[in-house]
C-alpha atoms as a PDB file:
ATOM      1  CA  MET A   1       6.018 129.158  82.009  1.00  0.00           C
ATOM      2  CA  ARG A   2       7.216 125.716  83.072  1.00  0.00           C
ATOM      3  CA  PRO A   3       5.915 122.557  81.343  1.00  0.00           C
ATOM      4  CA  ALA A   4       4.292 121.490  84.623  1.00  0.00           C
ATOM      5  CA  ASP A   5       2.343 124.773  84.720  1.00  0.00           C
ATOM      6  CA  ARG A   6       1.090 124.166  81.196  1.00  0.00           C
ATOM      7  CA  ALA A   7       0.031 120.662  82.131  1.00  0.00           C
ATOM      8  CA  LEU A   8      -1.804 121.957  85.199  1.00  0.00           C
ATOM      9  CA  LEU A   9      -3.529 124.628  83.116  1.00  0.00           C
ATOM     10  CA  LEU A  10      -4.598 122.015  80.569  1.00  0.00           C
ATOM     11  CA  LEU A  11      -5.857 119.728  83.328  1.00  0.00           C
ATOM     12  CA  ALA A  12      -7.841 122.587  84.902  1.00  0.00           C
ATOM     13  CA  ALA A  13      -9.377 123.504  81.537  1.00  0.00           C
ATOM     14  CA  GLY A  14     -10.375 119.881  80.993  1.00  0.00           C
ATOM     15  CA  GLY A  15     -11.911 119.728  84.478  1.00  0.00           C
ATOM     16  CA  CYS A  16     -13.927 122.884  83.807  1.00  0.00           C
ATOM     17  CA  ALA A  17     -15.151 121.489  80.477  1.00  0.00           C
ATOM     18  CA  PHE A  18     -16.150 118.254  82.232  1.00  0.00           C
ATOM     19  CA  ALA A  19     -18.107 120.180  84.897  1.00  0.00           C
ATOM     20  CA  LEU A  20     -19.800 122.270  82.199  1.00  0.00           C
ATOM     21  CA  CYS A  21     -21.009 119.068  80.538  1.00  0.00           C
ATOM     22  CA  PHE A  22     -22.884 118.149  83.721  1.00  0.00           C
ATOM     23  CA  ALA A  23     -24.289 121.659  84.069  1.00  0.00           C
ATOM     24  CA  ASP A  24     -25.528 121.568  80.463  1.00  0.00           C
ATOM     25  CA  ALA A  25     -27.112 118.134  80.996  1.00  0.00           C
ATOM     26  CA  ALA A  26     -28.957 119.433  84.077  1.00  0.00           C
ATOM     27  CA  ARG A  27     -30.182 122.450  82.110  1.00  0.00           C
ATOM     28  CA  LEU A  28     -31.439 120.269  79.261  1.00  0.00           C
ATOM     29  CA  ARG A  29     -33.157 117.867  81.680  1.00  0.00           C
ATOM     30  CA  ALA A  30     -34.959 120.748  83.396  1.00  0.00           C
ATOM     31  CA  ALA A  31     -36.055 122.145  80.038  1.00  0.00           C
ATOM     32  CA  ALA A  32     -37.400 118.743  78.899  1.00  0.00           C
ATOM     33  CA  GLY A  33     -39.385 118.056  82.095  1.00  0.00           C
ATOM     34  CA  PRO A  34     -42.908 118.206  80.600  1.00  0.00           C
ATOM     35  CA  ASP A  35     -41.819 116.344  77.459  1.00  0.00           C
ATOM     36  CA  GLU A  36     -40.270 113.563  79.524  1.00  0.00           C
ATOM     37  CA  ALA A  37     -43.510 113.001  81.441  1.00  0.00           C
ATOM     38  CA  GLU A  38     -45.389 112.767  78.141  1.00  0.00           C
ATOM     39  CA  ARG A  39     -42.861 110.285  76.743  1.00  0.00           C
ATOM     40  CA  THR A  40     -43.119 108.166  79.887  1.00  0.00           C
ATOM     41  CA  ARG A  41     -46.904 108.074  79.548  1.00  0.00           C
ATOM     42  CA  LEU A  42     -46.635 107.137  75.860  1.00  0.00           C
ATOM     43  CA  VAL A  43     -44.181 104.302  76.584  1.00  0.00           C
ATOM     44  CA  GLY A  44     -46.576 102.884  79.167  1.00  0.00           C
ATOM     45  CA  GLN A  45     -49.556 103.223  76.838  1.00  0.00           C
ATOM     46  CA  LEU A  46     -47.781 101.550  73.890  1.00  0.00           C
ATOM     47  CA  ARG A  47     -46.119  98.938  76.155  1.00  0.00           C
ATOM     48  CA  LEU A  48     -42.701  99.482  74.639  1.00  0.00           C
ATOM     49  CA  THR A  49     -39.783  97.318  75.733  1.00  0.00           C
ATOM     50  CA  ASP A  50     -36.536  98.523  77.199  1.00  0.00           C
ATOM     51  CA  LEU A  51     -33.859 100.295  75.204  1.00  0.00           C
ATOM     52  CA  ALA A  52     -31.486  98.056  73.215  1.00  0.00           C
ATOM     53  CA  LEU A  53     -28.079  99.029  74.591  1.00  0.00           C
ATOM     54  CA  PHE A  54     -26.006  96.170  73.222  1.00  0.00           C
ATOM     55  CA  THR A  55     -26.068  94.432  69.852  1.00  0.00           C
ATOM     56  CA  GLU A  56     -24.248  91.179  70.556  1.00  0.00           C
ATOM     57  CA  ALA A  57     -26.724  88.590  71.749  1.00  0.00           C
ATOM     58  CA  ARG A  58     -30.476  88.502  72.152  1.00  0.00           C
ATOM     59  CA  TYR A  59     -30.277  88.221  75.924  1.00  0.00           C
ATOM     60  CA  THR A  60     -28.124  91.370  76.129  1.00  0.00           C
ATOM     61  CA  ARG A  61     -30.157  93.368  73.591  1.00  0.00           C
ATOM     62  CA  HIS A  62     -33.439  93.176  75.507  1.00  0.00           C
ATOM     63  CA  PRO A  63     -32.819  91.830  79.028  1.00  0.00           C
ATOM     64  CA  SER A  64     -36.487  92.024  80.011  1.00  0.00           C
ATOM     65  CA  GLN A  65     -37.492  89.932  76.984  1.00  0.00           C
ATOM     66  CA  ALA A  66     -34.839  87.202  77.258  1.00  0.00           C
ATOM     67  CA  ASP A  67     -35.426  83.788  78.723  1.00  0.00           C
ATOM     68  CA  LEU A  68     -33.250  82.974  81.729  1.00  0.00           C
ATOM     69  CA  HIS A  69     -31.334  80.129  80.066  1.00  0.00           C
ATOM     70  CA  SER A  70     -30.409  81.764  76.749  1.00  0.00           C
ATOM     71  CA  ALA A  71     -26.941  82.657  78.025  1.00  0.00           C
ATOM     72  CA  PHE A  72     -26.260  78.937  78.500  1.00  0.00           C
ATOM     73  CA  GLN A  73     -27.760  77.702  75.229  1.00  0.00           C
ATOM     74  CA  ASP A  74     -24.548  75.953  74.130  1.00  0.00           C
ATOM     75  CA  HIS A  75     -23.813  74.142  77.378  1.00  0.00           C
ATOM     76  CA  PRO A  76     -24.954  74.630  81.007  1.00  0.00           C
ATOM     77  CA  LEU A  77     -21.375  75.142  82.200  1.00  0.00           C
ATOM     78  CA  ALA A  78     -20.233  77.214  79.224  1.00  0.00           C
ATOM     79  CA  LEU A  79     -18.395  80.433  79.935  1.00  0.00           C
ATOM     80  CA  GLU A  80     -19.906  83.735  78.877  1.00  0.00           C
ATOM     81  CA  HIS A  81     -18.563  84.480  75.409  1.00  0.00           C
ATOM     82  CA  PHE A  82     -20.127  87.930  74.992  1.00  0.00           C
ATOM     83  CA  PRO A  83     -18.476  90.691  77.053  1.00  0.00           C
ATOM     84  CA  THR A  84     -21.738  92.544  77.603  1.00  0.00           C
ATOM     85  CA  GLY A  85     -23.128  89.584  79.517  1.00  0.00           C
ATOM     86  CA  SER A  86     -20.883  90.603  82.405  1.00  0.00           C
ATOM     87  CA  LEU A  87     -21.931  94.275  82.211  1.00  0.00           C
ATOM     88  CA  ILE A  88     -25.643  93.895  82.860  1.00  0.00           C
ATOM     89  CA  ALA A  89     -27.102  92.637  86.112  1.00  0.00           C
ATOM     90  CA  PRO A  90     -29.637  89.830  86.301  1.00  0.00           C
ATOM     91  CA  PRO A  91     -33.240  91.047  86.218  1.00  0.00           C
ATOM     92  CA  ALA A  92     -34.642  92.191  89.548  1.00  0.00           C
ATOM     93  CA  SER A  93     -37.596  89.849  89.083  1.00  0.00           C
ATOM     94  CA  LEU A  94     -35.179  86.903  89.186  1.00  0.00           C
ATOM     95  CA  ALA A  95     -34.017  87.890  92.666  1.00  0.00           C
ATOM     96  CA  ARG A  96     -37.615  88.334  93.837  1.00  0.00           C
ATOM     97  CA  VAL A  97     -38.660  84.961  92.441  1.00  0.00           C
ATOM     98  CA  GLY A  98     -35.778  83.233  94.210  1.00  0.00           C
ATOM     99  CA  ALA A  99     -36.606  84.907  97.513  1.00  0.00           C
ATOM    100  CA  GLY A 100     -40.305  84.076  97.123  1.00  0.00           C
ATOM    101  CA  ASP A 101     -39.593  80.441  96.330  1.00  0.00           C
ATOM    102  CA  THR A 102     -37.463  80.081  99.443  1.00  0.00           C
ATOM    103  CA  ALA A 103     -40.179  81.561 101.632  1.00  0.00           C
ATOM    104  CA  THR A 104     -42.805  79.351 100.008  1.00  0.00           C
ATOM    105  CA  SER A 105     -40.722  76.196 100.433  1.00  0.00           C
ATOM    106  CA  GLU A 106     -40.036  77.045 104.074  1.00  0.00           C
ATOM    107  CA  GLU A 107     -43.738  77.580 104.698  1.00  0.00           C
ATOM    108  CA  GLY A 108     -44.574  74.376 102.858  1.00  0.00           C
ATOM    109  CA  GLY A 109     -42.032  72.426 104.894  1.00  0.00           C
ATOM    110  CA  ALA A 110     -43.378  73.795 108.178  1.00  0.00           C
ATOM    111  CA  LYS A 111     -46.909  72.538 107.530  1.00  0.00           C
END
């Protein structure tokens, strides 16, 4: 057996293991269907916040709980010094507020 054949065999085995991971995740999700609905109801009832994915700064730990200017607390033109600040998107409500303000100002200017 040539070294290239061994490498191909190893690559194929890794690809199969990767595909099996997705199949197992789908099986576990299907098995947890009723439990997930119950957990979703409980989160809504207890008004829990979002999951803390990052541990660096308060505005990356709980994006829905952060004020909009906490990333620029040192200086308004300061560069982002936490890498996770570039990994999360701005909150969707921020985009809606900006769009709503523009529409309101246009309406106000037309009157």
